[in-house]
Amino acid sequence: MKDEHPRKPKPSPREVVLYNKWGKAVFRLREPVLYDFQGRPRGFVVGTTIYDVRGEHRGFWHNLIVSDRTRRVIGYAAGASIQGLVLPAYEFPPLVYRDLPPPALPEELTELEYQPCVAVWSVMQFENLLPCFEEDAEVEREELL
């Protein structure tokens, strides 16, 4: 019997590139996981809340804008706009060879109450919002080999 509804190939996850205040590509969002451009998982997005891979609240993601815990703008995606703040032109992001498998999303992570961001750049560099825990990344690399 012929299948009347052929199965469509599963689309690859949508990826959103996130840029810092100078337009440099820093992270990639493949919901719910945030990756760096070396393919390392760096955090999670739960609703509008951003957590690092260890489950610590780091900021917010709303309307293509990333804000830190103090509600100041720290990053953005293409197409974002915020009244009162000029977002720079962004550079073409580097290619990624392969992503490491993401850690399991901790069940205790919940969406925190979102407060609108302030139209001011954060003093923190976007690269520092989601720390890389190298020992975790090294263990994962060894497991893949």
N, C-alpha and C. Protein backbone atom coordinates (compact mmCIF):
# COMPACT_ATOMS: atom_id res chain seq x y z
N MET A 1 0.84 -1.18 0.00
CA MET A 1 0.00 0.00 0.00
C MET A 1 0.89 1.25 0.00
N LYS A 2 0.53 2.13 -0.85
CA LYS A 2 1.31 3.36 -1.01
C LYS A 2 0.91 4.38 0.05
N ASP A 3 1.88 5.03 0.61
CA ASP A 3 1.62 6.07 1.61
C ASP A 3 1.09 7.30 0.89
N GLU A 4 -0.15 7.68 1.22
CA GLU A 4 -0.78 8.82 0.56
C GLU A 4 -0.18 10.15 1.01
N HIS A 5 0.40 10.15 2.16
CA HIS A 5 1.00 11.37 2.70
C HIS A 5 2.50 11.15 2.84
N PRO A 6 3.24 11.42 1.78
CA PRO A 6 4.69 11.21 1.89
C PRO A 6 5.27 12.07 3.01
N ARG A 7 6.22 11.51 3.69
CA ARG A 7 6.83 12.23 4.80
C ARG A 7 7.82 13.26 4.28
N LYS A 8 7.62 14.45 4.74
CA LYS A 8 8.53 15.52 4.35
C LYS A 8 9.77 15.44 5.22
N PRO A 9 10.91 15.77 4.64
CA PRO A 9 12.11 15.79 5.48
C PRO A 9 11.95 16.85 6.58
N LYS A 10 12.45 16.51 7.74
CA LYS A 10 12.36 17.43 8.88
C LYS A 10 13.25 18.64 8.61
N PRO A 11 12.70 19.85 8.70
CA PRO A 11 13.54 21.02 8.44
C PRO A 11 14.60 21.18 9.51
N SER A 12 15.74 21.72 9.12
CA SER A 12 16.79 21.96 10.11
C SER A 12 16.32 23.06 11.04
N PRO A 13 16.79 23.04 12.29
CA PRO A 13 16.34 24.07 13.23
C PRO A 13 16.70 25.45 12.73
N ARG A 14 15.80 26.37 12.96
CA ARG A 14 16.05 27.76 12.57
C ARG A 14 17.16 28.32 13.45
N GLU A 15 18.07 29.00 12.81
CA GLU A 15 19.19 29.57 13.54
C GLU A 15 19.14 31.08 13.44
N VAL A 16 19.29 31.74 14.56
CA VAL A 16 19.31 33.20 14.61
C VAL A 16 20.69 33.61 15.09
N VAL A 17 21.36 34.44 14.31
CA VAL A 17 22.69 34.93 14.68
C VAL A 17 22.52 36.17 15.55
N LEU A 18 23.28 36.22 16.63
CA LEU A 18 23.21 37.34 17.57
C LEU A 18 24.52 38.12 17.52
N TYR A 19 24.40 39.44 17.47
CA TYR A 19 25.54 40.33 17.29
C TYR A 19 25.75 41.21 18.52
N ASN A 20 27.01 41.66 18.70
CA ASN A 20 27.31 42.57 19.81
C ASN A 20 27.14 44.02 19.37
N LYS A 21 27.50 44.97 20.23
CA LYS A 21 27.26 46.38 19.93
C LYS A 21 28.14 46.94 18.81
N TRP A 22 29.10 46.14 18.32
CA TRP A 22 29.91 46.55 17.18
C TRP A 22 29.52 45.81 15.90
N GLY A 23 28.50 44.97 15.98
CA GLY A 23 28.04 44.22 14.82
C GLY A 23 28.77 42.92 14.58
N LYS A 24 29.58 42.48 15.54
CA LYS A 24 30.30 41.21 15.41
C LYS A 24 29.38 40.06 15.83
N ALA A 25 29.34 39.01 15.02
CA ALA A 25 28.55 37.82 15.34
C ALA A 25 29.18 37.11 16.54
N VAL A 26 28.40 36.90 17.61
CA VAL A 26 28.92 36.34 18.84
C VAL A 26 28.30 34.99 19.17
N PHE A 27 26.99 34.89 19.11
CA PHE A 27 26.29 33.64 19.44
C PHE A 27 25.28 33.31 18.35
N ARG A 28 24.81 32.06 18.40
CA ARG A 28 23.76 31.59 17.50
C ARG A 28 22.68 30.95 18.35
N LEU A 29 21.46 31.28 18.07
CA LEU A 29 20.34 30.68 18.80
C LEU A 29 19.69 29.63 17.92
N ARG A 30 19.76 28.39 18.37
CA ARG A 30 19.04 27.28 17.76
C ARG A 30 18.14 26.78 18.87
N GLU A 31 16.97 27.39 18.96
CA GLU A 31 16.11 27.22 20.13
C GLU A 31 16.01 25.78 20.57
N PRO A 32 16.15 25.57 21.86
CA PRO A 32 16.34 26.55 22.93
C PRO A 32 17.80 26.80 23.29
N VAL A 33 18.74 26.31 22.46
CA VAL A 33 20.16 26.35 22.83
C VAL A 33 20.88 27.52 22.16
N LEU A 34 21.72 28.20 22.92
CA LEU A 34 22.61 29.24 22.42
C LEU A 34 24.00 28.62 22.23
N TYR A 35 24.56 28.76 21.04
CA TYR A 35 25.89 28.23 20.72
C TYR A 35 26.82 29.38 20.41
N ASP A 36 28.14 29.15 20.62
CA ASP A 36 29.12 30.09 20.11
C ASP A 36 29.53 29.63 18.71
N PHE A 37 30.46 30.31 18.09
CA PHE A 37 30.84 29.96 16.72
C PHE A 37 31.92 28.88 16.67
N GLN A 38 32.28 28.32 17.82
CA GLN A 38 33.14 27.14 17.84
C GLN A 38 32.29 25.88 18.00
N GLY A 39 30.96 26.06 18.04
CA GLY A 39 30.05 24.92 18.15
C GLY A 39 29.78 24.49 19.58
N ARG A 40 30.19 25.29 20.56
CA ARG A 40 29.99 24.93 21.96
C ARG A 40 28.66 25.50 22.46
N PRO A 41 27.85 24.68 23.13
CA PRO A 41 26.64 25.21 23.74
C PRO A 41 27.02 26.14 24.88
N ARG A 42 26.38 27.31 24.93
CA ARG A 42 26.73 28.30 25.95
C ARG A 42 25.57 28.67 26.85
N GLY A 43 24.33 28.32 26.43
CA GLY A 43 23.19 28.68 27.27
C GLY A 43 21.89 28.21 26.67
N PHE A 44 20.82 28.61 27.34
CA PHE A 44 19.46 28.23 26.94
C PHE A 44 18.56 29.46 26.96
N VAL A 45 17.53 29.42 26.13
CA VAL A 45 16.47 30.42 26.19
C VAL A 45 15.20 29.71 26.62
N VAL A 46 14.62 30.18 27.70
CA VAL A 46 13.36 29.64 28.22
C VAL A 46 12.37 30.79 28.19
N GLY A 47 11.48 30.79 27.19
CA GLY A 47 10.57 31.91 27.01
C GLY A 47 11.37 33.14 26.62
N THR A 48 11.41 34.13 27.50
CA THR A 48 12.20 35.34 27.26
C THR A 48 13.46 35.38 28.13
N THR A 49 13.72 34.33 28.88
CA THR A 49 14.81 34.31 29.85
C THR A 49 16.01 33.54 29.32
N ILE A 50 17.21 34.09 29.50
CA ILE A 50 18.45 33.44 29.07
C ILE A 50 19.18 32.91 30.30
N TYR A 51 19.59 31.65 30.22
CA TYR A 51 20.38 30.99 31.26
C TYR A 51 21.68 30.49 30.65
N ASP A 52 22.74 30.43 31.47
CA ASP A 52 23.96 29.77 31.00
C ASP A 52 23.77 28.26 31.13
N VAL A 53 24.75 27.47 30.69
CA VAL A 53 24.58 26.01 30.70
C VAL A 53 24.52 25.42 32.11
N ARG A 54 24.92 26.19 33.10
CA ARG A 54 24.83 25.71 34.49
C ARG A 54 23.53 26.14 35.17
N GLY A 55 22.67 26.83 34.43
CA GLY A 55 21.36 27.20 34.97
C GLY A 55 21.30 28.54 35.65
N GLU A 56 22.31 29.39 35.49
CA GLU A 56 22.30 30.71 36.11
C GLU A 56 21.64 31.72 35.16
N HIS A 57 20.73 32.52 35.70
CA HIS A 57 20.06 33.55 34.91
C HIS A 57 21.08 34.58 34.46
N ARG A 58 21.09 34.88 33.14
CA ARG A 58 22.07 35.80 32.59
C ARG A 58 21.46 37.01 31.90
N GLY A 59 20.20 36.91 31.43
CA GLY A 59 19.62 38.04 30.73
C GLY A 59 18.28 37.69 30.11
N PHE A 60 17.88 38.48 29.10
CA PHE A 60 16.58 38.30 28.47
C PHE A 60 16.69 38.38 26.95
N TRP A 61 15.77 37.72 26.27
CA TRP A 61 15.68 37.71 24.81
C TRP A 61 14.24 38.08 24.46
N HIS A 62 14.08 39.22 23.79
CA HIS A 62 12.73 39.68 23.44
C HIS A 62 12.80 40.58 22.22
N ASN A 63 11.93 40.32 21.23
CA ASN A 63 11.87 41.12 20.01
C ASN A 63 13.23 41.32 19.34
N LEU A 64 13.98 40.22 19.24
CA LEU A 64 15.30 40.20 18.58
C LEU A 64 16.37 41.00 19.32
N ILE A 65 16.11 41.37 20.56
CA ILE A 65 17.06 42.12 21.40
C ILE A 65 17.46 41.25 22.58
N VAL A 66 18.76 41.23 22.90
CA VAL A 66 19.26 40.57 24.09
C VAL A 66 19.62 41.65 25.10
N SER A 67 19.10 41.51 26.31
CA SER A 67 19.46 42.46 27.37
C SER A 67 20.06 41.69 28.54
N ASP A 68 20.91 42.36 29.30
CA ASP A 68 21.52 41.72 30.46
C ASP A 68 20.54 41.78 31.64
N ARG A 69 20.97 41.33 32.80
CA ARG A 69 20.07 41.30 33.96
C ARG A 69 19.68 42.69 34.44
N THR A 70 20.46 43.71 34.05
CA THR A 70 20.13 45.08 34.44
C THR A 70 19.25 45.76 33.39
N ARG A 71 18.78 44.99 32.41
CA ARG A 71 17.85 45.42 31.36
C ARG A 71 18.50 46.28 30.30
N ARG A 72 19.83 46.35 30.27
CA ARG A 72 20.52 47.13 29.23
C ARG A 72 20.80 46.24 28.02
N VAL A 73 20.76 46.83 26.86
CA VAL A 73 20.96 46.10 25.61
C VAL A 73 22.40 45.60 25.53
N ILE A 74 22.55 44.31 25.20
CA ILE A 74 23.89 43.73 25.09
C ILE A 74 24.10 43.06 23.74
N GLY A 75 23.02 42.75 23.03
CA GLY A 75 23.13 42.12 21.72
C GLY A 75 21.82 42.23 20.96
N TYR A 76 21.87 41.82 19.69
CA TYR A 76 20.67 41.91 18.86
C TYR A 76 20.78 40.94 17.70
N ALA A 77 19.67 40.71 17.03
CA ALA A 77 19.62 39.89 15.82
C ALA A 77 19.24 40.77 14.65
N ALA A 78 19.50 40.27 13.45
CA ALA A 78 19.14 41.02 12.24
C ALA A 78 17.65 41.33 12.26
N GLY A 79 17.31 42.56 11.90
CA GLY A 79 15.92 42.99 11.88
C GLY A 79 15.45 43.65 13.16
N ALA A 80 16.30 43.68 14.17
CA ALA A 80 15.94 44.29 15.45
C ALA A 80 15.94 45.81 15.33
N SER A 81 15.14 46.43 16.17
CA SER A 81 15.18 47.89 16.30
C SER A 81 14.73 48.24 17.71
N ILE A 82 15.29 49.31 18.21
CA ILE A 82 14.91 49.77 19.53
C ILE A 82 14.93 51.30 19.49
N GLN A 83 13.83 51.88 19.88
CA GLN A 83 13.71 53.33 19.84
C GLN A 83 14.75 53.97 20.76
N GLY A 84 15.48 54.95 20.23
CA GLY A 84 16.46 55.67 21.02
C GLY A 84 17.85 55.06 21.00
N LEU A 85 18.05 53.97 20.23
CA LEU A 85 19.37 53.34 20.19
C LEU A 85 19.67 52.94 18.75
N VAL A 86 20.85 53.32 18.28
CA VAL A 86 21.26 52.95 16.93
C VAL A 86 21.98 51.60 17.00
N LEU A 87 21.48 50.64 16.23
CA LEU A 87 22.13 49.33 16.15
C LEU A 87 23.04 49.34 14.93
N PRO A 88 24.30 48.93 15.10
CA PRO A 88 25.25 48.99 13.99
C PRO A 88 24.95 47.96 12.91
N ALA A 89 25.51 48.21 11.73
CA ALA A 89 25.46 47.19 10.68
C ALA A 89 26.24 45.99 11.18
N TYR A 90 25.82 44.81 10.79
CA TYR A 90 26.48 43.61 11.30
C TYR A 90 27.31 42.94 10.22
N GLU A 91 28.30 42.21 10.68
CA GLU A 91 29.21 41.50 9.78
C GLU A 91 28.66 40.12 9.43
N PHE A 92 29.18 39.56 8.38
CA PHE A 92 28.80 38.21 7.99
C PHE A 92 29.38 37.24 9.02
N PRO A 93 28.57 36.33 9.59
CA PRO A 93 29.08 35.44 10.63
C PRO A 93 30.01 34.36 10.07
N PRO A 94 30.93 33.89 10.90
CA PRO A 94 31.82 32.80 10.46
C PRO A 94 31.05 31.50 10.31
N LEU A 95 31.62 30.57 9.58
CA LEU A 95 30.99 29.25 9.43
C LEU A 95 31.33 28.37 10.61
N VAL A 96 30.43 27.47 10.93
CA VAL A 96 30.64 26.54 12.03
C VAL A 96 30.78 25.15 11.45
N TYR A 97 31.81 24.44 11.86
CA TYR A 97 32.03 23.10 11.34
C TYR A 97 31.00 22.12 11.89
N ARG A 98 30.90 22.05 13.20
CA ARG A 98 29.96 21.12 13.82
C ARG A 98 29.66 21.56 15.24
N ASP A 99 28.40 21.46 15.63
CA ASP A 99 28.01 21.79 17.00
C ASP A 99 28.19 20.58 17.90
N LEU A 100 28.68 20.84 19.10
CA LEU A 100 28.71 19.79 20.11
C LEU A 100 27.27 19.55 20.57
N PRO A 101 26.99 18.36 21.07
CA PRO A 101 25.63 18.11 21.56
C PRO A 101 25.34 19.01 22.77
N PRO A 102 24.15 19.56 22.84
CA PRO A 102 23.84 20.43 23.98
C PRO A 102 23.59 19.60 25.24
N PRO A 103 23.88 20.19 26.38
CA PRO A 103 23.52 19.50 27.62
C PRO A 103 22.01 19.47 27.75
N ALA A 104 21.51 18.60 28.59
CA ALA A 104 20.07 18.53 28.81
C ALA A 104 19.58 19.84 29.43
N LEU A 105 18.42 20.26 28.99
CA LEU A 105 17.81 21.48 29.53
C LEU A 105 17.32 21.17 30.94
N PRO A 106 17.89 21.83 31.96
CA PRO A 106 17.45 21.56 33.33
C PRO A 106 15.95 21.85 33.50
N GLU A 107 15.24 20.95 34.13
CA GLU A 107 13.79 21.10 34.29
C GLU A 107 13.41 22.28 35.16
N GLU A 108 14.29 22.68 36.07
CA GLU A 108 13.94 23.75 37.01
C GLU A 108 14.00 25.14 36.41
N LEU A 109 14.48 25.27 35.17
CA LEU A 109 14.56 26.59 34.54
C LEU A 109 13.16 27.05 34.14
N THR A 110 12.82 28.24 34.56
CA THR A 110 11.51 28.80 34.24
C THR A 110 11.67 30.18 33.64
N GLU A 111 10.65 30.61 32.97
CA GLU A 111 10.67 31.96 32.41
C GLU A 111 10.45 32.96 33.54
N LEU A 112 11.36 33.91 33.65
CA LEU A 112 11.23 34.96 34.66
C LEU A 112 10.42 36.11 34.08
N GLU A 113 9.92 36.96 34.95
CA GLU A 113 9.13 38.10 34.50
C GLU A 113 10.02 39.04 33.69
N TYR A 114 9.60 39.30 32.48
CA TYR A 114 10.37 40.17 31.58
C TYR A 114 10.01 41.62 31.84
N GLN A 115 11.05 42.44 31.99
CA GLN A 115 10.89 43.88 32.09
C GLN A 115 11.49 44.48 30.83
N PRO A 116 10.81 45.40 30.17
CA PRO A 116 11.36 45.98 28.94
C PRO A 116 12.77 46.52 29.14
N CYS A 117 13.59 46.38 28.10
CA CYS A 117 14.97 46.83 28.22
C CYS A 117 15.06 48.35 28.10
N VAL A 118 16.16 48.87 28.59
CA VAL A 118 16.47 50.29 28.54
C VAL A 118 17.29 50.52 27.27
N ALA A 119 17.03 51.60 26.56
CA ALA A 119 17.73 51.88 25.30
C ALA A 119 19.13 52.43 25.55
N VAL A 120 19.95 51.62 26.22
CA VAL A 120 21.33 51.97 26.54
C VAL A 120 22.14 50.69 26.39
N TRP A 121 23.35 50.81 25.85
CA TRP A 121 24.21 49.63 25.74
C TRP A 121 24.74 49.24 27.12
N SER A 122 24.82 47.96 27.36
CA SER A 122 25.38 47.41 28.59
C SER A 122 26.87 47.69 28.64
N VAL A 123 27.42 47.81 29.84
CA VAL A 123 28.87 47.94 29.98
C VAL A 123 29.56 46.58 29.81
N MET A 124 28.80 45.50 29.97
CA MET A 124 29.33 44.16 29.80
C MET A 124 29.48 43.85 28.31
N GLN A 125 30.52 43.13 27.96
CA GLN A 125 30.66 42.67 26.59
C GLN A 125 29.77 41.46 26.38
N PHE A 126 29.12 41.39 25.24
CA PHE A 126 28.20 40.29 24.94
C PHE A 126 28.91 38.94 25.05
N GLU A 127 30.17 38.88 24.66
CA GLU A 127 30.94 37.64 24.72
C GLU A 127 31.01 37.09 26.14
N ASN A 128 30.89 37.97 27.14
CA ASN A 128 30.99 37.56 28.54
C ASN A 128 29.64 37.21 29.18
N LEU A 129 28.56 37.41 28.45
CA LEU A 129 27.24 37.13 29.01
C LEU A 129 27.09 35.65 29.32
N LEU A 130 27.55 34.81 28.43
CA LEU A 130 27.45 33.35 28.60
C LEU A 130 28.85 32.77 28.66
N PRO A 131 29.37 32.55 29.86
CA PRO A 131 30.74 32.06 29.99
C PRO A 131 30.89 30.67 29.38
N CYS A 132 32.09 30.39 28.91
CA CYS A 132 32.40 29.06 28.40
C CYS A 132 33.06 28.29 29.53
N PHE A 133 32.46 27.21 29.89
CA PHE A 133 33.02 26.36 30.94
C PHE A 133 33.86 25.31 30.23
N GLU A 134 35.14 25.64 29.97
CA GLU A 134 36.03 24.82 29.14
C GLU A 134 36.11 23.38 29.60
N GLU A 135 36.12 23.14 30.91
CA GLU A 135 36.23 21.75 31.36
C GLU A 135 35.04 20.92 30.88
N ASP A 136 33.85 21.53 30.85
CA ASP A 136 32.67 20.83 30.34
C ASP A 136 32.82 20.56 28.86
N ALA A 137 33.31 21.55 28.11
CA ALA A 137 33.47 21.40 26.66
C ALA A 137 34.52 20.34 26.34
N GLU A 138 35.61 20.27 27.12
CA GLU A 138 36.66 19.28 26.87
C GLU A 138 36.13 17.88 27.10
N VAL A 139 35.35 17.67 28.15
CA VAL A 139 34.77 16.34 28.43
C VAL A 139 33.88 15.92 27.27
N GLU A 140 33.06 16.84 26.78
CA GLU A 140 32.16 16.51 25.67
C GLU A 140 32.95 16.17 24.42
N ARG A 141 34.03 16.90 24.13
CA ARG A 141 34.85 16.61 22.95
C ARG A 141 35.46 15.21 23.05
N GLU A 142 35.98 14.86 24.23
CA GLU A 142 36.59 13.55 24.42
C GLU A 142 35.56 12.44 24.22
N GLU A 143 34.33 12.67 24.67
CA GLU A 143 33.29 11.67 24.50
C GLU A 143 32.94 11.45 23.04
N LEU A 144 33.07 12.50 22.21
CA LEU A 144 32.77 12.37 20.78
C LEU A 144 33.86 11.60 20.02
N LEU A 145 35.07 11.62 20.53
CA LEU A 145 36.19 10.97 19.81
C LEU A 145 36.22 9.49 20.00
